[in-house]
Protein backbone atom coordinates (compact mmCIF):
# COMPACT_ATOMS: atom_id res chain seq x y z
CA MET A 1 76.44 115.61 115.14
CA PRO A 2 79.22 118.19 115.66
CA ALA A 3 78.46 121.75 114.60
CA THR A 4 80.08 123.01 111.42
CA PRO A 5 82.83 125.52 112.28
CA GLU A 6 81.83 129.08 111.47
CA THR A 7 83.70 130.75 108.63
CA VAL A 8 84.21 134.35 107.54
CA GLU A 9 84.64 135.59 103.99
CA VAL A 10 88.02 137.30 103.79
CA ASP A 11 89.54 139.32 100.96
CA PHE A 12 93.31 139.09 100.53
CA ILE A 13 94.39 142.30 98.78
CA THR A 14 97.42 143.22 96.71
CA PRO A 15 99.05 145.65 96.42
CA ARG A 16 98.68 146.34 100.10
CA HIS A 17 98.91 150.13 99.73
CA LEU A 18 95.50 150.01 97.98
CA ALA A 19 93.80 147.79 100.58
CA GLY A 20 92.10 150.61 102.49
CA GLY A 21 92.68 151.56 106.10
CA GLY A 22 91.62 148.40 107.90
CA ASP A 23 90.82 148.03 111.60
CA PRO A 24 92.44 150.72 113.83
CA ALA A 25 92.48 148.19 116.69
CA TRP A 26 95.45 146.55 114.93
CA ILE A 27 97.44 149.56 116.18
CA THR A 28 95.65 150.85 119.27
CA VAL A 29 94.99 147.59 121.13
CA PRO A 30 98.62 146.32 121.09
CA LEU A 31 99.91 149.78 122.08
CA HIS A 32 97.65 149.70 125.14
CA ARG A 33 97.77 146.03 126.13
CA ALA A 34 101.29 145.01 125.04
CA CYS A 35 103.25 148.26 125.28
CA GLY A 36 101.57 149.98 128.24
CA TRP A 37 100.32 153.07 126.45
CA SER A 38 97.51 154.81 128.32
CA HIS A 39 94.40 156.28 126.77
CA GLY A 40 91.85 158.89 127.68
CA ASN A 41 88.13 158.35 127.31
CA ASP A 42 85.75 161.04 126.14
CA PRO A 43 82.65 159.42 124.61
CA LEU A 44 81.55 162.78 123.19
CA MET A 45 84.67 163.19 121.05
CA PRO A 46 85.30 161.00 117.96
CA ARG A 47 88.99 160.56 118.64
CA VAL A 48 91.52 158.29 120.30
CA LEU A 49 94.54 159.56 122.23
CA LEU A 50 97.27 157.18 123.38
CA SER A 51 100.38 158.22 125.30
CA SER A 52 103.52 156.19 125.96
CA PRO A 53 104.49 155.16 129.51
CA ASP A 54 107.25 157.80 129.60
CA GLN A 55 104.80 160.43 128.28
CA LYS A 56 107.21 161.29 125.46
CA ALA A 57 105.08 159.96 122.60
CA LEU A 58 101.46 160.68 121.72
CA LEU A 59 99.36 158.99 119.06
CA ARG A 60 96.19 160.74 117.97
CA LEU A 61 93.48 159.23 115.77
CA GLU A 62 90.93 161.84 114.82
CA PRO A 63 88.62 162.03 111.79
CA ASP A 64 89.74 164.95 109.65
CA PRO A 65 88.18 165.12 106.18
CA ASP A 66 90.73 167.72 105.09
CA GLY A 67 93.90 166.29 106.59
CA GLN A 68 95.71 163.39 108.19
CA TRP A 69 93.72 161.09 110.48
CA TRP A 70 96.65 159.57 112.38
CA THR A 71 99.37 161.73 113.97
CA LEU A 72 102.30 160.49 116.04
CA HIS A 73 104.38 163.01 118.00
CA ARG A 74 107.61 162.17 119.79
CA ALA A 75 109.11 164.65 122.23
CA ALA A 76 112.72 165.80 122.06
CA GLU A 77 115.43 163.61 123.57
CA PRO A 78 119.05 164.47 124.47
CA ASP A 79 120.31 163.06 121.18
CA ARG A 80 117.37 163.93 118.90
CA PRO A 81 114.94 166.83 118.39
CA ALA A 82 111.20 166.25 118.48
CA TRP A 83 109.68 164.56 115.43
CA TYR A 84 106.32 163.56 114.04
CA ALA A 85 104.69 161.21 111.55
CA SER A 86 101.18 161.44 110.14
CA PHE A 87 99.01 159.21 107.99
CA GLY A 88 95.88 159.65 105.90
CA ALA A 89 92.65 157.79 106.64
CA ARG A 90 93.20 155.11 104.01
CA THR A 91 96.77 154.32 105.01
CA PRO A 92 96.69 150.57 105.72
CA VAL A 93 96.96 149.88 109.45
CA GLU A 94 99.64 147.27 108.75
CA LEU A 95 101.97 150.05 107.56
CA ILE A 96 101.27 152.34 110.52
CA ALA A 97 101.70 149.39 112.87
CA ALA A 98 105.21 148.86 111.48
CA VAL A 99 106.03 152.39 112.69
CA THR A 100 104.57 151.93 116.18
CA ASP A 101 106.21 148.51 116.47
CA ALA A 102 109.61 150.01 115.62
CA LEU A 103 109.06 152.88 118.05
CA THR A 104 108.10 150.61 120.95
CA ASP A 105 110.70 147.90 120.40
CA PRO A 106 112.70 147.78 123.66
CA ALA A 107 115.69 146.14 121.99
CA PRO A 108 115.92 146.97 118.29
CA ALA A 109 118.12 144.62 116.31
CA ALA A 110 121.55 146.00 115.56
CA ASP A 111 121.07 145.14 111.90
CA ALA A 112 117.58 146.66 111.61
CA PRO A 113 117.18 148.37 108.22
CA SER A 114 117.87 152.11 108.31
CA ASP A 115 117.72 152.96 104.60
CA PRO A 116 114.11 153.90 103.75
CA TYR A 117 114.81 153.20 100.08
CA GLY A 118 116.46 149.81 100.57
CA ALA A 119 113.42 147.50 100.64
CA LEU A 120 111.69 149.49 97.91
CA ARG A 121 114.60 149.16 95.51
CA GLN A 122 114.73 145.43 96.19
CA THR A 123 111.08 145.07 95.14
CA GLY A 124 111.37 146.93 91.86
CA TRP A 125 110.67 150.57 92.74
CA SER A 126 112.37 152.85 90.22
CA PRO A 127 113.78 156.40 90.40
CA TYR A 128 111.26 159.24 90.52
CA GLY A 129 112.08 162.94 90.27
CA ASP A 130 115.23 164.28 91.88
CA ASN A 131 115.24 162.16 95.03
CA GLY A 132 112.37 159.70 95.01
CA LEU A 133 111.12 156.28 93.98
CA VAL A 134 107.90 155.12 92.33
CA SER A 135 106.24 151.72 92.63
CA PRO A 136 106.17 149.32 89.67
CA ASP A 137 102.43 149.96 89.18
CA LYS A 138 102.98 153.76 89.30
CA THR A 139 100.33 154.19 92.05
CA ALA A 140 102.72 154.97 94.92
CA TYR A 141 105.79 157.11 95.26
CA ILE A 142 108.13 158.33 97.96
CA GLU A 143 110.05 161.59 98.00
CA ARG A 144 112.57 163.16 100.33
CA LEU A 145 112.14 166.90 100.22
CA GLY A 146 114.59 169.59 101.24
CA THR A 147 118.12 170.60 100.35
CA PRO A 148 121.39 168.82 101.01
CA ALA A 149 122.25 171.52 103.53
CA ASP A 150 119.08 170.91 105.55
CA LEU A 151 117.48 167.89 107.11
CA GLU A 152 114.63 166.70 104.94
CA ALA A 153 111.12 165.34 105.37
CA TRP A 154 109.76 162.16 103.79
CA PHE A 155 106.46 161.99 101.90
CA VAL A 156 104.81 158.76 100.73
CA THR A 157 101.82 159.33 98.42
CA VAL A 158 99.40 156.84 96.88
CA THR A 159 97.28 157.95 93.93
CA LEU A 160 94.88 156.63 91.32
CA GLY A 161 95.18 158.40 88.01
CA MET A 162 96.48 161.94 87.76
CA HIS A 163 94.38 163.68 90.39
CA GLN A 164 92.90 161.14 92.87
CA LYS A 165 95.07 161.02 95.99
CA VAL A 166 94.25 157.96 98.08
CA TRP A 167 96.45 158.63 101.10
CA GLN A 168 99.68 160.26 102.15
CA ALA A 169 102.18 159.52 104.92
CA ARG A 170 104.51 162.25 106.16
CA PHE A 171 107.61 161.94 108.33
CA GLY A 172 109.16 165.03 109.86
CA GLU A 173 112.77 165.89 109.24
CA HIS A 174 114.04 164.46 112.54
CA THR A 175 112.23 161.11 112.32
CA PRO A 176 114.75 158.31 113.02
CA PRO A 177 115.70 156.59 109.76
CA HIS A 178 114.89 153.12 111.13
CA VAL A 179 111.31 154.26 111.82
CA VAL A 180 110.85 155.46 108.23
CA ALA A 181 112.52 152.26 107.02
CA ALA A 182 110.07 150.17 109.05
CA PHE A 183 107.21 151.88 107.21
CA THR A 184 108.74 151.51 103.76
CA GLY A 185 109.68 147.90 104.52
CA ALA A 186 106.02 147.15 105.27
CA LEU A 187 105.03 149.10 102.15
CA ALA A 188 107.38 147.00 100.02
CA ASP A 189 106.18 143.70 101.49
CA PRO A 190 104.52 141.75 98.63
CA LYS A 191 102.32 139.67 100.94
CA PRO A 192 98.60 140.52 100.71
CA VAL A 193 96.69 141.99 103.62
CA LEU A 194 93.27 140.76 104.64
CA ARG A 195 90.04 142.72 104.83
CA ILE A 196 86.61 141.45 105.88
CA ASP A 197 84.35 144.25 104.63
CA ASN A 198 83.71 142.76 101.16
CA GLY A 199 85.72 145.45 99.44
CA ARG A 200 83.73 148.43 100.71
CA SER A 201 86.84 150.22 102.00
CA LEU A 202 88.96 149.65 98.92
CA PRO A 203 89.67 152.86 97.01
CA THR A 204 89.24 150.95 93.75
CA LEU A 205 87.89 147.58 92.62
CA ASP A 206 89.58 147.84 89.23
CA PRO A 207 91.00 144.34 88.66
CA SER A 208 93.80 145.81 86.55
CA VAL A 209 95.04 147.68 89.65
CA VAL A 210 93.95 145.61 92.67
CA THR A 211 93.82 141.85 93.10
CA ARG A 212 91.21 140.43 95.49
CA GLN A 213 91.37 136.77 96.41
CA THR A 214 88.25 135.91 98.38
CA THR A 215 88.54 132.99 100.77
CA ASP A 216 86.39 131.46 103.50
CA VAL A 217 88.49 131.32 106.67
CA LEU A 218 87.61 129.85 110.05
CA ALA A 219 86.24 132.67 112.18
CA LEU A 220 88.36 131.69 115.18
CA TYR A 221 91.55 132.34 113.19
CA VAL A 222 90.33 135.78 112.10
CA ALA A 223 89.28 136.66 115.63
CA GLY A 224 92.56 135.36 117.08
CA ALA A 225 94.91 137.30 114.79
CA LEU A 226 94.84 140.46 116.94
CA GLU A 227 95.27 138.47 120.14
CA GLU A 228 98.29 136.71 118.68
CA ARG A 229 99.76 140.08 117.69
CA VAL A 230 99.30 141.39 121.24
CA HIS A 231 101.06 138.35 122.72
CA THR A 232 103.93 138.62 120.24
CA LEU A 233 104.56 142.29 121.07
CA ALA A 234 104.16 141.74 124.81
CA ALA A 235 106.84 139.04 124.66
CA ARG A 236 109.38 141.66 123.57
CA HIS A 237 109.09 143.29 126.98
CA ALA A 238 109.45 140.07 128.97
CA THR A 239 112.63 139.79 131.01
CA ALA A 240 112.90 136.02 130.67
CA PRO A 241 113.38 134.27 127.31
CA THR A 242 110.13 133.14 125.81
CA VAL A 243 109.39 130.29 123.46
CA SER A 244 108.18 131.51 120.12
CA VAL A 245 104.87 130.08 118.99
CA PRO A 246 104.84 129.48 115.24
CA SER A 247 102.36 131.65 113.42
CA ARG A 248 99.39 129.62 112.32
CA GLN A 249 98.28 129.86 108.72
CA PRO A 250 94.50 129.79 108.43
CA PRO A 251 93.10 126.99 106.31
CA ALA A 252 91.62 128.28 103.09
CA ARG A 253 88.47 127.19 101.33
CA ASN A 254 86.73 128.12 98.13
CA ASN A 255 89.47 130.32 96.67
CA ARG A 256 87.96 132.86 94.29
CA SER A 257 89.75 135.69 92.54
CA ARG A 258 87.93 138.94 91.93
């Protein structure tokens, strides 16, 4: 009698900006295996350092209870000063991955979005303050700070209530617009993100704010998602055309909303 395939209980979370941080490997493993970023190894230090092949970009992941956990620095280039981006601990890895994917793309599309507000406006974000937008549920907002005479920095902040900040993303004044737009495009994406920790990392379980749809998914599909991501990103660097493999949708069982 054939063995019953193993399943994993998965939570699909919306809105994605309240899904918690997720697995850092979603960012670090593809950078190393698909994009050639090198890493140091110090088992006595609770941090990860990854540097790009040209040594012009450095990604640091370091627990900091009083600040940002993820920091990306890009060195100056002939046509652009140095810039940085940083992300709080509970910034969903899917949003940070959109930034690293845009940064490492060897051939960005000519029509890649460059307006950080574009995707947000299309999904119902409304004006906030002098130069910002707020999400329809009022839990996330983006601001561009500075004066018209000076280049400005971008701040994306997610909150619960008046005083509980969940996470913040910051983009320095010289960050390329398409990189910020990649982040806000992922932020605006209405598709849920999956988590397998039974809601422990969610900043809130309030059903009026967060929707959890719990589903049993075949374990092999969950385990293979990262590998598929690595192969997809590695294919961008291939010199010969590659045949795209359609993304597989995991079969769902026992749908339950929480």
